[in-house]
C-alpha atoms as a PDB file:
ATOM      1  CA  MET A   1       0.000   0.000   0.000  1.00  0.00           C
ATOM      2  CA  THR A   2       1.213   3.512  -0.769  1.00  0.00           C
ATOM      3  CA  SER A   3       0.024   6.917   0.433  1.00  0.00           C
ATOM      4  CA  THR A   4      -0.921  10.066  -1.409  1.00  0.00           C
ATOM      5  CA  GLU A   5      -2.032  13.516  -0.223  1.00  0.00           C
ATOM      6  CA  SER A   6      -5.629  12.394  -0.610  1.00  0.00           C
ATOM      7  CA  GLY A   7      -5.106   9.319   1.572  1.00  0.00           C
ATOM      8  CA  PRO A   8      -3.940   5.713   1.270  1.00  0.00           C
ATOM      9  CA  GLU A   9      -3.829   4.204  -2.189  1.00  0.00           C
ATOM     10  CA  VAL A  10      -4.294   0.480  -2.636  1.00  0.00           C
ATOM     11  CA  VAL A  11      -1.603  -1.211  -4.727  1.00  0.00           C
ATOM     12  CA  SER A  12      -3.278  -4.315  -6.045  1.00  0.00           C
ATOM     13  CA  ALA A  13      -1.554  -7.682  -6.330  1.00  0.00           C
ATOM     14  CA  PRO A  14      -0.944  -9.055  -9.837  1.00  0.00           C
ATOM     15  CA  LEU A  15      -3.702 -11.123 -11.403  1.00  0.00           C
ATOM     16  CA  ARG A  16      -3.260 -14.813 -12.150  1.00  0.00           C
ATOM     17  CA  ASP A  17      -5.484 -16.591 -14.685  1.00  0.00           C
ATOM     18  CA  ALA A  18      -7.586 -19.367 -13.182  1.00  0.00           C
ATOM     19  CA  ALA A  19     -10.367 -21.751 -14.210  1.00  0.00           C
ATOM     20  CA  THR A  20     -13.237 -23.103 -12.139  1.00  0.00           C
ATOM     21  CA  VAL A  21     -15.639 -25.848 -13.205  1.00  0.00           C
ATOM     22  CA  VAL A  22     -19.244 -26.105 -12.055  1.00  0.00           C
ATOM     23  CA  LEU A  23     -19.750 -29.848 -12.422  1.00  0.00           C
ATOM     24  CA  VAL A  24     -23.454 -30.712 -12.582  1.00  0.00           C
ATOM     25  CA  ARG A  25     -25.765 -33.706 -12.845  1.00  0.00           C
ATOM     26  CA  ASP A  26     -29.505 -34.317 -12.991  1.00  0.00           C
ATOM     27  CA  ALA A  27     -31.243 -35.667  -9.882  1.00  0.00           C
ATOM     28  CA  ALA A  28     -34.814 -36.361  -8.838  1.00  0.00           C
ATOM     29  CA  ASP A  29     -35.123 -33.040  -6.983  1.00  0.00           C
ATOM     30  CA  GLY A  30     -33.291 -30.900  -9.554  1.00  0.00           C
ATOM     31  CA  ILE A  31     -29.739 -30.148 -10.604  1.00  0.00           C
ATOM     32  CA  GLU A  32     -26.943 -31.172  -8.265  1.00  0.00           C
ATOM     33  CA  VAL A  33     -23.487 -29.570  -8.167  1.00  0.00           C
ATOM     34  CA  PHE A  34     -20.210 -30.991  -6.927  1.00  0.00           C
ATOM     35  CA  LEU A  35     -18.846 -28.876  -4.069  1.00  0.00           C
ATOM     36  CA  GLN A  36     -15.724 -29.008  -1.946  1.00  0.00           C
ATOM     37  CA  ARG A  37     -14.949 -27.374   1.396  1.00  0.00           C
ATOM     38  CA  ARG A  38     -11.328 -26.342   1.252  1.00  0.00           C
ATOM     39  CA  VAL A  39      -9.045 -27.080   4.184  1.00  0.00           C
ATOM     40  CA  LYS A  40      -8.472 -24.018   6.353  1.00  0.00           C
ATOM     41  CA  GLN A  41      -4.734 -24.172   5.760  1.00  0.00           C
ATOM     42  CA  MET A  42      -5.190 -23.147   2.117  1.00  0.00           C
ATOM     43  CA  ALA A  43      -3.805 -19.658   1.521  1.00  0.00           C
ATOM     44  CA  PHE A  44      -6.724 -18.738  -0.767  1.00  0.00           C
ATOM     45  CA  ALA A  45     -10.354 -19.442   0.183  1.00  0.00           C
ATOM     46  CA  GLY A  46      -9.366 -21.625   3.137  1.00  0.00           C
ATOM     47  CA  GLY A  47     -12.434 -23.118   4.831  1.00  0.00           C
ATOM     48  CA  MET A  48     -14.731 -21.973   2.022  1.00  0.00           C
ATOM     49  CA  THR A  49     -17.092 -24.145  -0.006  1.00  0.00           C
ATOM     50  CA  VAL A  50     -16.070 -23.954  -3.663  1.00  0.00           C
ATOM     51  CA  PHE A  51     -16.197 -25.672  -7.047  1.00  0.00           C
ATOM     52  CA  PRO A  52     -13.159 -27.574  -8.358  1.00  0.00           C
ATOM     53  CA  GLY A  53     -10.619 -25.305  -9.992  1.00  0.00           C
ATOM     54  CA  GLY A  54      -7.300 -23.573  -9.747  1.00  0.00           C
ATOM     55  CA  GLY A  55      -4.629 -21.502 -11.396  1.00  0.00           C
ATOM     56  CA  VAL A  56      -3.433 -21.869 -14.953  1.00  0.00           C
ATOM     57  CA  ASP A  57      -0.152 -23.716 -15.453  1.00  0.00           C
ATOM     58  CA  LYS A  58       1.752 -21.901 -18.215  1.00  0.00           C
ATOM     59  CA  ARG A  59       2.232 -25.314 -19.869  1.00  0.00           C
ATOM     60  CA  ASP A  60      -1.561 -25.480 -20.293  1.00  0.00           C
ATOM     61  CA  ALA A  61      -1.103 -23.244 -23.343  1.00  0.00           C
ATOM     62  CA  ASP A  62       0.817 -25.954 -25.228  1.00  0.00           C
ATOM     63  CA  ALA A  63      -0.737 -26.145 -28.698  1.00  0.00           C
ATOM     64  CA  ASP A  64       0.275 -29.729 -29.490  1.00  0.00           C
ATOM     65  CA  LEU A  65      -2.687 -31.688 -28.174  1.00  0.00           C
ATOM     66  CA  ALA A  66      -5.812 -33.356 -29.577  1.00  0.00           C
ATOM     67  CA  TRP A  67      -8.915 -31.201 -29.143  1.00  0.00           C
ATOM     68  CA  THR A  68     -12.615 -31.659 -29.944  1.00  0.00           C
ATOM     69  CA  GLY A  69     -15.115 -28.811 -29.744  1.00  0.00           C
ATOM     70  CA  PRO A  70     -15.003 -25.016 -29.972  1.00  0.00           C
ATOM     71  CA  ASP A  71     -11.480 -23.842 -30.734  1.00  0.00           C
ATOM     72  CA  ALA A  72      -9.351 -21.443 -28.713  1.00  0.00           C
ATOM     73  CA  ALA A  73     -10.517 -18.442 -30.765  1.00  0.00           C
ATOM     74  CA  TRP A  74     -14.153 -19.202 -29.871  1.00  0.00           C
ATOM     75  CA  TRP A  75     -13.333 -19.395 -26.169  1.00  0.00           C
ATOM     76  CA  ALA A  76     -11.272 -16.207 -26.420  1.00  0.00           C
ATOM     77  CA  THR A  77     -14.309 -14.356 -27.762  1.00  0.00           C
ATOM     78  CA  HIS A  78     -16.505 -15.529 -24.893  1.00  0.00           C
ATOM     79  CA  PHE A  79     -13.930 -14.950 -22.156  1.00  0.00           C
ATOM     80  CA  ALA A  80     -12.387 -11.662 -23.316  1.00  0.00           C
ATOM     81  CA  SER A  81      -8.901 -13.055 -23.798  1.00  0.00           C
ATOM     82  CA  ASP A  82      -6.416 -13.920 -26.517  1.00  0.00           C
ATOM     83  CA  ALA A  83      -6.448 -17.401 -28.065  1.00  0.00           C
ATOM     84  CA  GLU A  84      -3.361 -18.632 -26.202  1.00  0.00           C
ATOM     85  CA  THR A  85      -4.830 -17.677 -22.837  1.00  0.00           C
ATOM     86  CA  ALA A  86      -8.182 -19.182 -23.814  1.00  0.00           C
ATOM     87  CA  GLN A  87      -6.565 -22.528 -24.618  1.00  0.00           C
ATOM     88  CA  ALA A  88      -4.719 -22.448 -21.313  1.00  0.00           C
ATOM     89  CA  LEU A  89      -7.984 -21.741 -19.481  1.00  0.00           C
ATOM     90  CA  VAL A  90      -9.821 -24.641 -21.134  1.00  0.00           C
ATOM     91  CA  CYS A  91      -6.917 -26.986 -20.439  1.00  0.00           C
ATOM     92  CA  ALA A  92      -6.740 -25.774 -16.847  1.00  0.00           C
ATOM     93  CA  ALA A  93     -10.476 -26.378 -16.408  1.00  0.00           C
ATOM     94  CA  VAL A  94     -10.181 -30.000 -17.563  1.00  0.00           C
ATOM     95  CA  ARG A  95      -6.886 -30.605 -15.740  1.00  0.00           C
ATOM     96  CA  GLU A  96      -8.051 -29.145 -12.416  1.00  0.00           C
ATOM     97  CA  THR A  97     -11.293 -31.140 -12.534  1.00  0.00           C
ATOM     98  CA  PHE A  98      -9.282 -34.316 -12.998  1.00  0.00           C
ATOM     99  CA  GLU A  99      -6.743 -33.395 -10.303  1.00  0.00           C
ATOM    100  CA  GLU A 100      -9.276 -32.306  -7.687  1.00  0.00           C
ATOM    101  CA  CYS A 101     -12.119 -34.785  -8.097  1.00  0.00           C
ATOM    102  CA  GLY A 102     -10.973 -37.464 -10.564  1.00  0.00           C
ATOM    103  CA  VAL A 103     -13.392 -36.547 -13.363  1.00  0.00           C
ATOM    104  CA  LEU A 104     -11.691 -36.488 -16.776  1.00  0.00           C
ATOM    105  CA  LEU A 105     -13.285 -34.670 -19.716  1.00  0.00           C
ATOM    106  CA  ALA A 106     -11.226 -36.477 -22.338  1.00  0.00           C
ATOM    107  CA  THR A 107     -11.875 -39.457 -24.598  1.00  0.00           C
ATOM    108  CA  ASP A 108      -9.781 -42.046 -26.405  1.00  0.00           C
ATOM    109  CA  ALA A 109      -9.613 -42.770 -30.142  1.00  0.00           C
ATOM    110  CA  ASP A 110     -13.052 -44.447 -30.306  1.00  0.00           C
ATOM    111  CA  GLY A 111     -14.768 -41.669 -28.345  1.00  0.00           C
ATOM    112  CA  SER A 112     -14.965 -43.581 -25.078  1.00  0.00           C
ATOM    113  CA  PHE A 113     -14.165 -41.869 -21.803  1.00  0.00           C
ATOM    114  CA  ALA A 114     -10.910 -42.957 -20.258  1.00  0.00           C
ATOM    115  CA  ASP A 115     -11.105 -44.828 -16.968  1.00  0.00           C
ATOM    116  CA  PRO A 116      -9.850 -42.288 -14.404  1.00  0.00           C
ATOM    117  CA  GLU A 117      -9.199 -45.013 -11.835  1.00  0.00           C
ATOM    118  CA  GLY A 118      -6.540 -46.456 -14.132  1.00  0.00           C
ATOM    119  CA  LEU A 119      -4.834 -43.072 -14.352  1.00  0.00           C
ATOM    120  CA  ALA A 120      -4.134 -42.513 -10.653  1.00  0.00           C
ATOM    121  CA  ASP A 121      -0.362 -42.229 -11.139  1.00  0.00           C
ATOM    122  CA  ASP A 122      -0.803 -39.663 -13.899  1.00  0.00           C
ATOM    123  CA  ARG A 123      -3.239 -37.730 -11.735  1.00  0.00           C
ATOM    124  CA  GLN A 124      -0.683 -37.519  -8.951  1.00  0.00           C
ATOM    125  CA  ARG A 125       2.055 -36.434 -11.342  1.00  0.00           C
ATOM    126  CA  LEU A 126      -0.188 -33.677 -12.640  1.00  0.00           C
ATOM    127  CA  VAL A 127      -0.790 -32.499  -9.077  1.00  0.00           C
ATOM    128  CA  GLU A 128       2.949 -32.532  -8.435  1.00  0.00           C
ATOM    129  CA  LYS A 129       3.505 -30.711 -11.771  1.00  0.00           C
ATOM    130  CA  SER A 130       6.077 -33.292 -12.866  1.00  0.00           C
ATOM    131  CA  LEU A 131       3.823 -33.957 -15.881  1.00  0.00           C
ATOM    132  CA  SER A 132       2.167 -31.349 -18.083  1.00  0.00           C
ATOM    133  CA  PHE A 133      -1.439 -31.765 -19.150  1.00  0.00           C
ATOM    134  CA  ALA A 134      -0.508 -31.827 -22.863  1.00  0.00           C
ATOM    135  CA  GLN A 135       2.097 -34.526 -22.199  1.00  0.00           C
ATOM    136  CA  PHE A 136      -0.464 -36.553 -20.282  1.00  0.00           C
ATOM    137  CA  LEU A 137      -3.094 -36.408 -23.030  1.00  0.00           C
ATOM    138  CA  THR A 138      -0.620 -37.176 -25.792  1.00  0.00           C
ATOM    139  CA  ALA A 139       1.003 -40.105 -23.988  1.00  0.00           C
ATOM    140  CA  ARG A 140      -2.386 -41.653 -23.289  1.00  0.00           C
ATOM    141  CA  GLY A 141      -3.806 -40.985 -26.761  1.00  0.00           C
ATOM    142  CA  LEU A 142      -6.589 -38.830 -25.311  1.00  0.00           C
ATOM    143  CA  THR A 143      -8.554 -35.976 -26.839  1.00  0.00           C
ATOM    144  CA  LEU A 144      -9.600 -32.988 -24.738  1.00  0.00           C
ATOM    145  CA  ARG A 145     -13.388 -32.561 -24.978  1.00  0.00           C
ATOM    146  CA  ALA A 146     -13.943 -28.815 -25.111  1.00  0.00           C
ATOM    147  CA  ASP A 147     -17.425 -29.539 -26.468  1.00  0.00           C
ATOM    148  CA  LEU A 148     -18.416 -30.805 -23.009  1.00  0.00           C
ATOM    149  CA  LEU A 149     -17.749 -27.389 -21.463  1.00  0.00           C
ATOM    150  CA  ARG A 150     -19.833 -24.208 -21.567  1.00  0.00           C
ATOM    151  CA  PRO A 151     -18.742 -20.674 -20.608  1.00  0.00           C
ATOM    152  CA  LEU A 152     -20.526 -19.560 -17.452  1.00  0.00           C
ATOM    153  CA  ALA A 153     -18.994 -16.488 -15.793  1.00  0.00           C
ATOM    154  CA  HIS A 154     -15.910 -14.328 -15.368  1.00  0.00           C
ATOM    155  CA  TRP A 155     -14.992 -12.979 -11.933  1.00  0.00           C
ATOM    156  CA  ILE A 156     -11.927 -10.986 -10.912  1.00  0.00           C
ATOM    157  CA  THR A 157     -10.694 -10.950  -7.315  1.00  0.00           C
ATOM    158  CA  PRO A 158     -11.196  -7.516  -5.657  1.00  0.00           C
ATOM    159  CA  VAL A 159      -8.218  -5.164  -5.736  1.00  0.00           C
ATOM    160  CA  ASN A 160      -7.712  -5.260  -1.955  1.00  0.00           C
ATOM    161  CA  GLU A 161      -6.958  -9.002  -1.751  1.00  0.00           C
ATOM    162  CA  LYS A 162      -3.405 -10.287  -1.289  1.00  0.00           C
ATOM    163  CA  ARG A 163      -3.918 -13.037  -3.863  1.00  0.00           C
ATOM    164  CA  ARG A 164      -5.860 -12.131  -6.971  1.00  0.00           C
ATOM    165  CA  TYR A 165      -7.252 -14.326  -9.732  1.00  0.00           C
ATOM    166  CA  ASP A 166      -8.812 -13.603 -13.103  1.00  0.00           C
ATOM    167  CA  THR A 167     -11.186 -16.563 -13.006  1.00  0.00           C
ATOM    168  CA  ARG A 168     -13.330 -17.968 -15.772  1.00  0.00           C
ATOM    169  CA  PHE A 169     -16.143 -20.282 -14.713  1.00  0.00           C
ATOM    170  CA  PHE A 170     -17.127 -23.246 -16.877  1.00  0.00           C
ATOM    171  CA  LEU A 171     -20.144 -25.550 -16.827  1.00  0.00           C
ATOM    172  CA  ALA A 172     -19.738 -29.293 -17.394  1.00  0.00           C
ATOM    173  CA  ALA A 173     -22.167 -32.185 -17.135  1.00  0.00           C
ATOM    174  CA  MET A 174     -20.912 -35.203 -15.219  1.00  0.00           C
ATOM    175  CA  PRO A 175     -19.861 -37.860 -17.797  1.00  0.00           C
ATOM    176  CA  ASP A 176     -21.616 -41.224 -17.626  1.00  0.00           C
ATOM    177  CA  GLY A 177     -19.555 -43.900 -15.937  1.00  0.00           C
ATOM    178  CA  GLN A 178     -17.278 -41.547 -14.026  1.00  0.00           C
ATOM    179  CA  ARG A 179     -17.270 -40.738 -10.317  1.00  0.00           C
ATOM    180  CA  ALA A 180     -16.358 -37.528  -8.538  1.00  0.00           C
ATOM    181  CA  ASP A 181     -14.272 -38.233  -5.455  1.00  0.00           C
ATOM    182  CA  ALA A 182     -12.733 -36.421  -2.491  1.00  0.00           C
ATOM    183  CA  GLU A 183      -9.180 -37.639  -3.075  1.00  0.00           C
ATOM    184  CA  THR A 184      -7.457 -34.280  -2.873  1.00  0.00           C
ATOM    185  CA  THR A 185      -5.445 -32.733  -0.078  1.00  0.00           C
ATOM    186  CA  GLU A 186      -7.072 -29.357  -0.772  1.00  0.00           C
ATOM    187  CA  ALA A 187     -10.553 -30.301   0.492  1.00  0.00           C
ATOM    188  CA  GLU A 188     -11.803 -31.745   3.758  1.00  0.00           C
ATOM    189  CA  VAL A 189     -15.334 -32.411   2.480  1.00  0.00           C
ATOM    190  CA  ALA A 190     -16.532 -33.049  -1.086  1.00  0.00           C
ATOM    191  CA  ARG A 191     -20.030 -34.086  -2.170  1.00  0.00           C
ATOM    192  CA  TRP A 192     -22.935 -33.604  -4.525  1.00  0.00           C
ATOM    193  CA  VAL A 193     -25.564 -31.134  -3.324  1.00  0.00           C
ATOM    194  CA  ASN A 194     -28.726 -29.761  -4.882  1.00  0.00           C
ATOM    195  CA  ALA A 195     -27.913 -26.218  -6.019  1.00  0.00           C
ATOM    196  CA  ARG A 196     -30.787 -24.599  -4.114  1.00  0.00           C
ATOM    197  CA  VAL A 197     -30.081 -26.689  -1.005  1.00  0.00           C
ATOM    198  CA  ALA A 198     -26.458 -25.497  -1.112  1.00  0.00           C
ATOM    199  CA  ILE A 199     -27.680 -21.897  -0.953  1.00  0.00           C
ATOM    200  CA  ASP A 200     -30.114 -22.709   1.869  1.00  0.00           C
ATOM    201  CA  LEU A 201     -27.325 -24.397   3.842  1.00  0.00           C
ATOM    202  CA  TRP A 202     -25.197 -21.292   3.397  1.00  0.00           C
ATOM    203  CA  ALA A 203     -28.005 -19.029   4.603  1.00  0.00           C
ATOM    204  CA  ALA A 204     -28.346 -21.324   7.640  1.00  0.00           C
ATOM    205  CA  GLY A 205     -24.643 -20.942   8.450  1.00  0.00           C
ATOM    206  CA  LYS A 206     -23.713 -24.547   7.600  1.00  0.00           C
ATOM    207  CA  HIS A 207     -20.954 -23.569   5.170  1.00  0.00           C
ATOM    208  CA  PHE A 208     -19.532 -20.387   3.685  1.00  0.00           C
ATOM    209  CA  LEU A 209     -19.823 -19.295   0.072  1.00  0.00           C
ATOM    210  CA  MET A 210     -17.796 -16.549  -1.536  1.00  0.00           C
ATOM    211  CA  PRO A 211     -19.810 -14.223  -3.803  1.00  0.00           C
ATOM    212  CA  PRO A 212     -18.752 -15.898  -7.092  1.00  0.00           C
ATOM    213  CA  THR A 213     -19.706 -19.366  -5.809  1.00  0.00           C
ATOM    214  CA  TRP A 214     -23.012 -18.076  -4.429  1.00  0.00           C
ATOM    215  CA  SER A 215     -23.737 -16.342  -7.743  1.00  0.00           C
ATOM    216  CA  GLN A 216     -23.178 -19.477  -9.848  1.00  0.00           C
ATOM    217  CA  LEU A 217     -25.296 -21.601  -7.497  1.00  0.00           C
ATOM    218  CA  ASN A 218     -28.105 -19.076  -7.798  1.00  0.00           C
ATOM    219  CA  TYR A 219     -27.886 -19.241 -11.571  1.00  0.00           C
ATOM    220  CA  VAL A 220     -27.827 -23.038 -11.745  1.00  0.00           C
ATOM    221  CA  SER A 221     -30.738 -23.341  -9.309  1.00  0.00           C
ATOM    222  CA  GLY A 222     -32.944 -21.480 -11.798  1.00  0.00           C
ATOM    223  CA  PHE A 223     -32.982 -24.477 -14.159  1.00  0.00           C
ATOM    224  CA  SER A 224     -34.775 -27.807 -13.838  1.00  0.00           C
ATOM    225  CA  THR A 225     -32.546 -29.998 -16.012  1.00  0.00           C
ATOM    226  CA  ILE A 226     -28.995 -30.172 -17.335  1.00  0.00           C
ATOM    227  CA  ASP A 227     -30.230 -29.864 -20.931  1.00  0.00           C
ATOM    228  CA  GLU A 228     -31.974 -26.589 -20.114  1.00  0.00           C
ATOM    229  CA  LEU A 229     -28.926 -25.292 -18.259  1.00  0.00           C
ATOM    230  CA  LEU A 230     -26.358 -26.182 -20.924  1.00  0.00           C
ATOM    231  CA  GLY A 231     -28.593 -24.922 -23.721  1.00  0.00           C
ATOM    232  CA  ALA A 232     -29.209 -21.485 -22.233  1.00  0.00           C
ATOM    233  CA  ASP A 233     -27.609 -18.477 -23.916  1.00  0.00           C
ATOM    234  CA  ARG A 234     -25.423 -16.475 -21.579  1.00  0.00           C
ATOM    235  CA  VAL A 235     -23.456 -13.289 -22.122  1.00  0.00           C
ATOM    236  CA  ILE A 236     -20.201 -13.349 -20.154  1.00  0.00           C
ATOM    237  CA  GLU A 237     -19.136  -9.986 -18.736  1.00  0.00           C
ATOM    238  CA  PRO A 238     -16.168  -9.596 -16.371  1.00  0.00           C
ATOM    239  CA  ILE A 239     -17.214  -8.861 -12.786  1.00  0.00           C
ATOM    240  CA  LEU A 240     -14.761  -6.957 -10.586  1.00  0.00           C
ATOM    241  CA  PRO A 241     -16.467  -6.256  -7.241  1.00  0.00           C
ATOM    242  CA  ASP A 242     -16.358  -2.689  -5.977  1.00  0.00           C
ATOM    243  CA  VAL A 243     -14.472  -2.232  -2.708  1.00  0.00           C
ATOM    244  CA  THR A 244     -15.214   0.071   0.225  1.00  0.00           C
ATOM    245  CA  PRO A 245     -11.840   0.474   2.005  1.00  0.00           C
ATOM    246  CA  GLY A 246     -11.836  -0.829   5.568  1.00  0.00           C
ATOM    247  CA  ALA A 247     -15.272  -2.459   5.321  1.00  0.00           C
ATOM    248  CA  GLY A 248     -14.079  -6.019   4.670  1.00  0.00           C
ATOM    249  CA  LEU A 249     -16.476  -8.446   3.036  1.00  0.00           C
ATOM    250  CA  ALA A 250     -19.440  -6.155   3.729  1.00  0.00           C
ATOM    251  CA  GLY A 251     -17.816  -3.474   1.582  1.00  0.00           C
ATOM    252  CA  LEU A 252     -18.001  -5.480  -1.641  1.00  0.00           C
ATOM    253  CA  GLY A 253     -20.419  -4.475  -4.362  1.00  0.00           C
ATOM    254  CA  PHE A 254     -21.320  -6.839  -7.228  1.00  0.00           C
ATOM    255  CA  PRO A 255     -24.412  -7.965  -9.157  1.00  0.00           C
ATOM    256  CA  GLY A 256     -26.765  -9.447  -6.559  1.00  0.00           C
ATOM    257  CA  SER A 257     -24.760  -8.188  -3.579  1.00  0.00           C
ATOM    258  CA  ASP A 258     -27.857  -6.840  -1.786  1.00  0.00           C
ATOM    259  CA  GLU A 259     -29.416 -10.317  -1.763  1.00  0.00           C
ATOM    260  CA  TYR A 260     -26.102 -11.958  -0.849  1.00  0.00           C
ATOM    261  CA  PHE A 261     -25.653  -9.790   2.252  1.00  0.00           C
ATOM    262  CA  ARG A 262     -29.337  -9.995   3.184  1.00  0.00           C
ATOM    263  CA  THR A 263     -29.151 -13.790   3.418  1.00  0.00           C
ATOM    264  CA  LEU A 264     -25.602 -13.751   4.814  1.00  0.00           C
ATOM    265  CA  GLY A 265     -26.811 -12.157   8.028  1.00  0.00           C
ATOM    266  CA  ASP A 266     -24.197 -12.114  10.790  1.00  0.00           C
ATOM    267  CA  GLN A 267     -22.051 -14.888   9.358  1.00  0.00           C
ATOM    268  CA  GLN A 268     -18.320 -14.292   9.128  1.00  0.00           C
ATOM    269  CA  PRO A 269     -15.829 -16.018   6.810  1.00  0.00           C
ATOM    270  CA  PRO A 270     -14.005 -18.928   8.430  1.00  0.00           C
ATOM    271  CA  GLU A 271     -10.744 -18.113  10.166  1.00  0.00           C
ATOM    272  CA  ILE A 272      -7.786 -19.230   8.109  1.00  0.00           C
ATOM    273  CA  THR A 273      -4.986 -21.098   9.825  1.00  0.00           C
ATOM    274  CA  LEU A 274      -1.640 -20.623   8.065  1.00  0.00           C
END
């Protein structure tokens, strides 16, 4: 932070590109989403309930990989980026989903989904970053399925945070025959929850949702089926919450913030243990 004659001036941390995937499935009572509660020791969003996702690995931009679906230029148009960044974001979305919950949006030569359980060693190497995502796909003869993703939202961490991410949110339907698990050191709880129930649990103080997570759950809960959700047109506009200095979470302004804080009540974010 620096100071000027008019008062303190916030020097914002650099932005890092990130991808988050809202993994969904149909259920008898409506659409369910896969949510994780991050361990409190995590430096970013510790103790929060989130969707799978994480930062872009610069190797995610490698061009030499098999790809089915909208190309990088299409994603760049929807996510206000250049084509190289867009490819990295799509790769990061698929890679992080595989790393964090074992769901792999990639198919082999005959169009069949790979068996994630047989790729446990590769999954661990990806987590350790000793293997790049492009190397993994190529070695296994797999094709990234960009056609199974949909653009959902674009949120930018407020300027007053120590760690800042330029995050694109993706939608993806759970592939048949795969299973989302909790085998990640980043989460202490991971499970499928009805989107509306997840919001109700938050309002009841059972878990804590950051504004971007709350916003996507609200959106998803407005649909009855996956087909309706994935087929809906959506204009993606970057959201950078306004900040009232010194007001903490309550000082954020974003689309829907009045409703967010109304239902938040007296809840406070979980204390982070570093």
